[in-house]
Amino acid sequence: MIRRFVFARRLARNQRGTAFMEFALAAPLFLLLTMGGIDYCWQLYGQQVLQGAVNIAGRSGTTEAYVNNTAALDIVVRNKVHTVFKDAQVNFSRRAYETFSEVGKPESFTDKNNNGRYDSGECFEDVNGNGAWDADRGSTSSGSSDDVVVYVATMKYNRILPVWRMLGQPQEKTLVATTVLRNQPYATNTATSKVICS
């Protein structure tokens, strides 16, 4: 019994394994924080690459040369992204408006029953020419002369460090970049809005 007591006292005074135990306890947290920081910085870098490519393409897209060749602009953005994120999926959307104040606004309509929302059968101004009332009046195109264009690129990629698994997050990350510009006045504006009552 005394022998056990002496052994326990010696073990308590022994400092040889302390550093190893401290490292074993601190290393997982340190690695998680380090990988989390690297993963976050990689996402920020990806956002900057995507936004820079979208801004360049957006400025080029306002000229008449690219109005009928929007695919060429999309290829420019995709190639810039793929220089860093080789397997990323990059998708694009465009919406054209007549003025900046119309961006994201619904098409005007006559609210017959005063309920504050569009109901079937009410008259509306078909701004985008698709024959239906829309909560967003923008047309899905690059617009025409002097139109305001919202150009959006969405990039999906798989995160490279396993920190996503440790934090219970999905491996796939989605980044979005947007730019809003006005087309140059290279021709006559072709706005064709009409009132429809159905």
C-alpha atoms as a PDB file:
ATOM      1  CA  MET A   1       0.000   0.000   0.000  1.00  0.00           C
ATOM      2  CA  ILE A   2       2.807   2.415   0.934  1.00  0.00           C
ATOM      3  CA  ARG A   3       4.570   1.459  -2.271  1.00  0.00           C
ATOM      4  CA  ARG A   4       1.548   2.539  -4.356  1.00  0.00           C
ATOM      5  CA  PHE A   5       1.341   5.838  -2.494  1.00  0.00           C
ATOM      6  CA  VAL A   6       5.030   6.582  -3.160  1.00  0.00           C
ATOM      7  CA  PHE A   7       4.638   5.694  -6.845  1.00  0.00           C
ATOM      8  CA  ALA A   8       1.646   8.056  -7.177  1.00  0.00           C
ATOM      9  CA  ARG A   9       3.612  10.910  -5.561  1.00  0.00           C
ATOM     10  CA  ARG A  10       6.550  10.343  -7.917  1.00  0.00           C
ATOM     11  CA  LEU A  11       4.236  10.273 -10.936  1.00  0.00           C
ATOM     12  CA  ALA A  12       2.615  13.552  -9.887  1.00  0.00           C
ATOM     13  CA  ARG A  13       6.021  15.261  -9.654  1.00  0.00           C
ATOM     14  CA  ASN A  14       7.268  13.881 -12.987  1.00  0.00           C
ATOM     15  CA  GLN A  15       7.301  16.642 -15.672  1.00  0.00           C
ATOM     16  CA  ARG A  16       8.648  14.633 -18.628  1.00  0.00           C
ATOM     17  CA  GLY A  17       5.278  13.990 -20.364  1.00  0.00           C
ATOM     18  CA  THR A  18       3.719  17.396 -19.718  1.00  0.00           C
ATOM     19  CA  ALA A  19       4.754  18.999 -23.012  1.00  0.00           C
ATOM     20  CA  PHE A  20       3.499  16.018 -24.979  1.00  0.00           C
ATOM     21  CA  MET A  21       0.121  16.101 -23.216  1.00  0.00           C
ATOM     22  CA  GLU A  22      -0.254  19.849 -23.694  1.00  0.00           C
ATOM     23  CA  PHE A  23       0.553  19.483 -27.389  1.00  0.00           C
ATOM     24  CA  ALA A  24      -1.921  16.594 -27.736  1.00  0.00           C
ATOM     25  CA  LEU A  25      -4.664  18.744 -26.244  1.00  0.00           C
ATOM     26  CA  ALA A  26      -3.853  21.974 -28.124  1.00  0.00           C
ATOM     27  CA  ALA A  27      -2.911  20.576 -31.569  1.00  0.00           C
ATOM     28  CA  PRO A  28      -6.443  19.695 -32.802  1.00  0.00           C
ATOM     29  CA  LEU A  29      -7.771  23.162 -31.963  1.00  0.00           C
ATOM     30  CA  PHE A  30      -4.714  24.829 -33.500  1.00  0.00           C
ATOM     31  CA  LEU A  31      -5.056  22.768 -36.699  1.00  0.00           C
ATOM     32  CA  LEU A  32      -8.787  23.509 -36.921  1.00  0.00           C
ATOM     33  CA  LEU A  33      -8.198  27.248 -36.553  1.00  0.00           C
ATOM     34  CA  THR A  34      -5.342  27.194 -39.074  1.00  0.00           C
ATOM     35  CA  MET A  35      -7.294  25.225 -41.687  1.00  0.00           C
ATOM     36  CA  GLY A  36     -10.383  27.363 -41.064  1.00  0.00           C
ATOM     37  CA  GLY A  37      -8.347  30.513 -41.659  1.00  0.00           C
ATOM     38  CA  ILE A  38      -6.842  29.128 -44.867  1.00  0.00           C
ATOM     39  CA  ASP A  39     -10.281  27.998 -46.092  1.00  0.00           C
ATOM     40  CA  TYR A  40     -11.791  31.423 -45.365  1.00  0.00           C
ATOM     41  CA  CYS A  41      -8.929  33.238 -47.134  1.00  0.00           C
ATOM     42  CA  TRP A  42      -9.320  30.905 -50.128  1.00  0.00           C
ATOM     43  CA  GLN A  43     -13.020  31.834 -50.315  1.00  0.00           C
ATOM     44  CA  LEU A  44     -12.177  35.543 -50.164  1.00  0.00           C
ATOM     45  CA  TYR A  45      -9.623  35.103 -52.923  1.00  0.00           C
ATOM     46  CA  GLY A  46     -12.176  33.228 -55.037  1.00  0.00           C
ATOM     47  CA  GLN A  47     -14.695  36.043 -54.520  1.00  0.00           C
ATOM     48  CA  GLN A  48     -12.126  38.624 -55.649  1.00  0.00           C
ATOM     49  CA  VAL A  49     -11.172  36.608 -58.737  1.00  0.00           C
ATOM     50  CA  LEU A  50     -14.833  36.196 -59.716  1.00  0.00           C
ATOM     51  CA  GLN A  51     -15.770  39.831 -59.025  1.00  0.00           C
ATOM     52  CA  GLY A  52     -12.760  41.131 -60.963  1.00  0.00           C
ATOM     53  CA  ALA A  53     -13.601  38.996 -63.984  1.00  0.00           C
ATOM     54  CA  VAL A  54     -17.273  40.054 -63.837  1.00  0.00           C
ATOM     55  CA  ASN A  55     -16.348  43.745 -63.645  1.00  0.00           C
ATOM     56  CA  ILE A  56     -14.065  43.484 -66.684  1.00  0.00           C
ATOM     57  CA  ALA A  57     -16.664  41.524 -68.670  1.00  0.00           C
ATOM     58  CA  GLY A  58     -19.419  43.904 -67.576  1.00  0.00           C
ATOM     59  CA  ARG A  59     -17.518  46.943 -68.832  1.00  0.00           C
ATOM     60  CA  SER A  60     -16.796  45.217 -72.140  1.00  0.00           C
ATOM     61  CA  GLY A  61     -20.436  44.118 -72.410  1.00  0.00           C
ATOM     62  CA  THR A  62     -21.724  47.690 -72.458  1.00  0.00           C
ATOM     63  CA  THR A  63     -20.264  48.255 -75.920  1.00  0.00           C
ATOM     64  CA  GLU A  64     -22.108  47.441 -79.127  1.00  0.00           C
ATOM     65  CA  ALA A  65     -19.530  44.802 -80.107  1.00  0.00           C
ATOM     66  CA  TYR A  66     -20.815  42.327 -77.491  1.00  0.00           C
ATOM     67  CA  VAL A  67     -24.576  42.926 -77.615  1.00  0.00           C
ATOM     68  CA  ASN A  68     -25.226  39.959 -79.889  1.00  0.00           C
ATOM     69  CA  ASN A  69     -22.311  37.884 -78.561  1.00  0.00           C
ATOM     70  CA  THR A  70     -22.844  37.560 -74.815  1.00  0.00           C
ATOM     71  CA  ALA A  71     -21.407  34.027 -74.859  1.00  0.00           C
ATOM     72  CA  ALA A  72     -17.976  35.513 -75.630  1.00  0.00           C
ATOM     73  CA  LEU A  73     -18.126  37.561 -72.415  1.00  0.00           C
ATOM     74  CA  ASP A  74     -19.163  34.519 -70.427  1.00  0.00           C
ATOM     75  CA  ILE A  75     -16.173  32.608 -71.810  1.00  0.00           C
ATOM     76  CA  VAL A  76     -13.830  35.417 -70.689  1.00  0.00           C
ATOM     77  CA  VAL A  77     -15.150  35.239 -67.111  1.00  0.00           C
ATOM     78  CA  ARG A  78     -15.122  31.423 -67.047  1.00  0.00           C
ATOM     79  CA  ASN A  79     -11.511  31.295 -68.313  1.00  0.00           C
ATOM     80  CA  LYS A  80     -10.319  33.798 -65.683  1.00  0.00           C
ATOM     81  CA  VAL A  81     -11.991  31.797 -62.926  1.00  0.00           C
ATOM     82  CA  HIS A  82     -10.612  28.500 -64.248  1.00  0.00           C
ATOM     83  CA  THR A  83      -7.028  29.781 -64.060  1.00  0.00           C
ATOM     84  CA  VAL A  84      -7.381  29.515 -60.261  1.00  0.00           C
ATOM     85  CA  PHE A  85     -10.401  27.238 -59.665  1.00  0.00           C
ATOM     86  CA  LYS A  86      -9.996  24.631 -62.411  1.00  0.00           C
ATOM     87  CA  ASP A  87     -13.103  22.546 -61.680  1.00  0.00           C
ATOM     88  CA  ALA A  88     -15.469  25.373 -60.754  1.00  0.00           C
ATOM     89  CA  GLN A  89     -18.908  25.552 -62.365  1.00  0.00           C
ATOM     90  CA  VAL A  90     -19.621  29.104 -63.506  1.00  0.00           C
ATOM     91  CA  ASN A  91     -23.120  30.182 -64.574  1.00  0.00           C
ATOM     92  CA  PHE A  92     -24.401  33.556 -65.752  1.00  0.00           C
ATOM     93  CA  SER A  93     -27.577  35.587 -65.819  1.00  0.00           C
ATOM     94  CA  ARG A  94     -28.451  39.015 -67.155  1.00  0.00           C
ATOM     95  CA  ARG A  95     -31.381  41.343 -66.667  1.00  0.00           C
ATOM     96  CA  ALA A  96     -31.888  44.548 -68.626  1.00  0.00           C
ATOM     97  CA  TYR A  97     -33.854  47.583 -67.428  1.00  0.00           C
ATOM     98  CA  GLU A  98     -34.587  50.975 -68.976  1.00  0.00           C
ATOM     99  CA  THR A  99     -33.319  52.938 -65.946  1.00  0.00           C
ATOM    100  CA  PHE A 100     -31.391  52.326 -62.717  1.00  0.00           C
ATOM    101  CA  SER A 101     -34.517  53.092 -60.666  1.00  0.00           C
ATOM    102  CA  GLU A 102     -36.349  50.135 -62.269  1.00  0.00           C
ATOM    103  CA  VAL A 103     -33.801  47.496 -61.210  1.00  0.00           C
ATOM    104  CA  GLY A 104     -35.603  44.721 -59.315  1.00  0.00           C
ATOM    105  CA  LYS A 105     -38.992  46.468 -59.456  1.00  0.00           C
ATOM    106  CA  PRO A 106     -42.237  44.708 -60.518  1.00  0.00           C
ATOM    107  CA  GLU A 107     -44.188  45.580 -63.628  1.00  0.00           C
ATOM    108  CA  SER A 108     -46.912  48.165 -62.994  1.00  0.00           C
ATOM    109  CA  PHE A 109     -50.487  46.894 -62.776  1.00  0.00           C
ATOM    110  CA  THR A 110     -54.006  48.161 -62.063  1.00  0.00           C
ATOM    111  CA  ASP A 111     -55.010  46.867 -58.637  1.00  0.00           C
ATOM    112  CA  LYS A 112     -58.789  46.490 -59.157  1.00  0.00           C
ATOM    113  CA  ASN A 113     -59.556  44.865 -55.804  1.00  0.00           C
ATOM    114  CA  ASN A 114     -57.047  46.993 -53.794  1.00  0.00           C
ATOM    115  CA  ASN A 115     -55.306  44.000 -52.216  1.00  0.00           C
ATOM    116  CA  GLY A 116     -51.815  45.307 -53.007  1.00  0.00           C
ATOM    117  CA  ARG A 117     -50.786  42.437 -55.295  1.00  0.00           C
ATOM    118  CA  TYR A 118     -51.278  41.418 -58.916  1.00  0.00           C
ATOM    119  CA  ASP A 119     -54.178  39.052 -59.554  1.00  0.00           C
ATOM    120  CA  SER A 120     -55.001  37.255 -62.782  1.00  0.00           C
ATOM    121  CA  GLY A 121     -57.203  39.382 -65.012  1.00  0.00           C
ATOM    122  CA  GLU A 122     -55.815  42.749 -63.887  1.00  0.00           C
ATOM    123  CA  CYS A 123     -54.244  45.037 -66.501  1.00  0.00           C
ATOM    124  CA  PHE A 124     -50.450  45.363 -66.374  1.00  0.00           C
ATOM    125  CA  GLU A 125     -47.643  47.023 -68.309  1.00  0.00           C
ATOM    126  CA  ASP A 126     -45.620  44.303 -70.055  1.00  0.00           C
ATOM    127  CA  VAL A 127     -42.215  46.014 -69.925  1.00  0.00           C
ATOM    128  CA  ASN A 128     -40.074  42.983 -70.780  1.00  0.00           C
ATOM    129  CA  GLY A 129     -42.291  41.742 -73.618  1.00  0.00           C
ATOM    130  CA  ASN A 130     -42.884  38.186 -72.372  1.00  0.00           C
ATOM    131  CA  GLY A 131     -46.689  38.480 -72.280  1.00  0.00           C
ATOM    132  CA  ALA A 132     -46.973  37.827 -68.514  1.00  0.00           C
ATOM    133  CA  TRP A 133     -46.839  39.968 -65.364  1.00  0.00           C
ATOM    134  CA  ASP A 134     -43.480  39.692 -63.577  1.00  0.00           C
ATOM    135  CA  ALA A 135     -42.361  40.613 -60.061  1.00  0.00           C
ATOM    136  CA  ASP A 136     -39.067  41.688 -61.699  1.00  0.00           C
ATOM    137  CA  ARG A 137     -39.588  43.823 -64.802  1.00  0.00           C
ATOM    138  CA  GLY A 138     -36.140  43.146 -66.251  1.00  0.00           C
ATOM    139  CA  SER A 139     -35.766  41.271 -69.501  1.00  0.00           C
ATOM    140  CA  THR A 140     -33.401  38.288 -69.521  1.00  0.00           C
ATOM    141  CA  SER A 141     -31.017  39.732 -72.083  1.00  0.00           C
ATOM    142  CA  SER A 142     -28.209  42.239 -72.504  1.00  0.00           C
ATOM    143  CA  GLY A 143     -30.767  44.885 -73.404  1.00  0.00           C
ATOM    144  CA  SER A 144     -30.343  47.500 -76.061  1.00  0.00           C
ATOM    145  CA  SER A 145     -28.799  50.942 -76.332  1.00  0.00           C
ATOM    146  CA  ASP A 146     -28.719  52.940 -73.090  1.00  0.00           C
ATOM    147  CA  ASP A 147     -30.296  50.113 -71.041  1.00  0.00           C
ATOM    148  CA  VAL A 148     -29.110  49.245 -67.535  1.00  0.00           C
ATOM    149  CA  VAL A 149     -27.830  45.673 -67.305  1.00  0.00           C
ATOM    150  CA  VAL A 150     -27.419  43.599 -64.136  1.00  0.00           C
ATOM    151  CA  TYR A 151     -24.798  40.927 -64.876  1.00  0.00           C
ATOM    152  CA  VAL A 152     -24.526  38.083 -62.339  1.00  0.00           C
ATOM    153  CA  ALA A 153     -21.991  35.233 -62.265  1.00  0.00           C
ATOM    154  CA  THR A 154     -22.367  32.291 -59.893  1.00  0.00           C
ATOM    155  CA  MET A 155     -19.392  30.052 -59.138  1.00  0.00           C
ATOM    156  CA  LYS A 156     -19.621  26.651 -57.416  1.00  0.00           C
ATOM    157  CA  TYR A 157     -16.494  24.796 -56.313  1.00  0.00           C
ATOM    158  CA  ASN A 158     -15.481  22.083 -53.848  1.00  0.00           C
ATOM    159  CA  ARG A 159     -13.524  23.222 -50.804  1.00  0.00           C
ATOM    160  CA  ILE A 160     -10.049  21.640 -50.705  1.00  0.00           C
ATOM    161  CA  LEU A 161      -9.425  21.389 -46.944  1.00  0.00           C
ATOM    162  CA  PRO A 162     -11.489  19.016 -44.769  1.00  0.00           C
ATOM    163  CA  VAL A 163     -12.418  21.808 -42.349  1.00  0.00           C
ATOM    164  CA  TRP A 164     -15.922  21.824 -43.859  1.00  0.00           C
ATOM    165  CA  ARG A 165     -16.442  18.284 -42.546  1.00  0.00           C
ATOM    166  CA  MET A 166     -15.180  19.180 -39.067  1.00  0.00           C
ATOM    167  CA  LEU A 167     -17.551  22.151 -38.858  1.00  0.00           C
ATOM    168  CA  GLY A 168     -20.546  20.248 -40.281  1.00  0.00           C
ATOM    169  CA  GLN A 169     -20.733  22.351 -43.445  1.00  0.00           C
ATOM    170  CA  PRO A 170     -21.222  21.254 -47.066  1.00  0.00           C
ATOM    171  CA  GLN A 171     -18.152  20.681 -49.214  1.00  0.00           C
ATOM    172  CA  GLU A 172     -19.558  22.687 -52.136  1.00  0.00           C
ATOM    173  CA  LYS A 173     -19.270  26.468 -51.818  1.00  0.00           C
ATOM    174  CA  THR A 174     -21.204  28.971 -53.937  1.00  0.00           C
ATOM    175  CA  LEU A 175     -19.919  32.482 -54.623  1.00  0.00           C
ATOM    176  CA  VAL A 176     -21.872  35.206 -56.440  1.00  0.00           C
ATOM    177  CA  ALA A 177     -20.556  38.346 -58.147  1.00  0.00           C
ATOM    178  CA  THR A 178     -22.728  41.108 -59.586  1.00  0.00           C
ATOM    179  CA  THR A 179     -22.152  44.276 -61.557  1.00  0.00           C
ATOM    180  CA  VAL A 180     -24.628  46.887 -62.772  1.00  0.00           C
ATOM    181  CA  LEU A 181     -23.756  49.032 -65.796  1.00  0.00           C
ATOM    182  CA  ARG A 182     -25.473  51.095 -68.457  1.00  0.00           C
ATOM    183  CA  ASN A 183     -25.047  50.210 -72.131  1.00  0.00           C
ATOM    184  CA  GLN A 184     -23.485  52.865 -74.304  1.00  0.00           C
ATOM    185  CA  PRO A 185     -25.874  54.851 -76.529  1.00  0.00           C
ATOM    186  CA  TYR A 186     -24.807  53.081 -79.705  1.00  0.00           C
ATOM    187  CA  ALA A 187     -28.227  52.968 -81.410  1.00  0.00           C
ATOM    188  CA  THR A 188     -31.858  53.847 -80.966  1.00  0.00           C
ATOM    189  CA  ASN A 189     -33.421  52.364 -77.859  1.00  0.00           C
ATOM    190  CA  THR A 190     -35.818  49.540 -78.713  1.00  0.00           C
ATOM    191  CA  ALA A 191     -38.132  49.649 -75.682  1.00  0.00           C
ATOM    192  CA  THR A 192     -41.457  47.975 -76.515  1.00  0.00           C
ATOM    193  CA  SER A 193     -43.666  48.204 -73.447  1.00  0.00           C
ATOM    194  CA  LYS A 194     -47.420  47.665 -73.819  1.00  0.00           C
ATOM    195  CA  VAL A 195     -50.438  47.355 -71.547  1.00  0.00           C
ATOM    196  CA  ILE A 196     -52.072  43.901 -71.396  1.00  0.00           C
ATOM    197  CA  CYS A 197     -55.497  43.166 -69.905  1.00  0.00           C
ATOM    198  CA  SER A 198     -56.307  39.457 -69.659  1.00  0.00           C
END
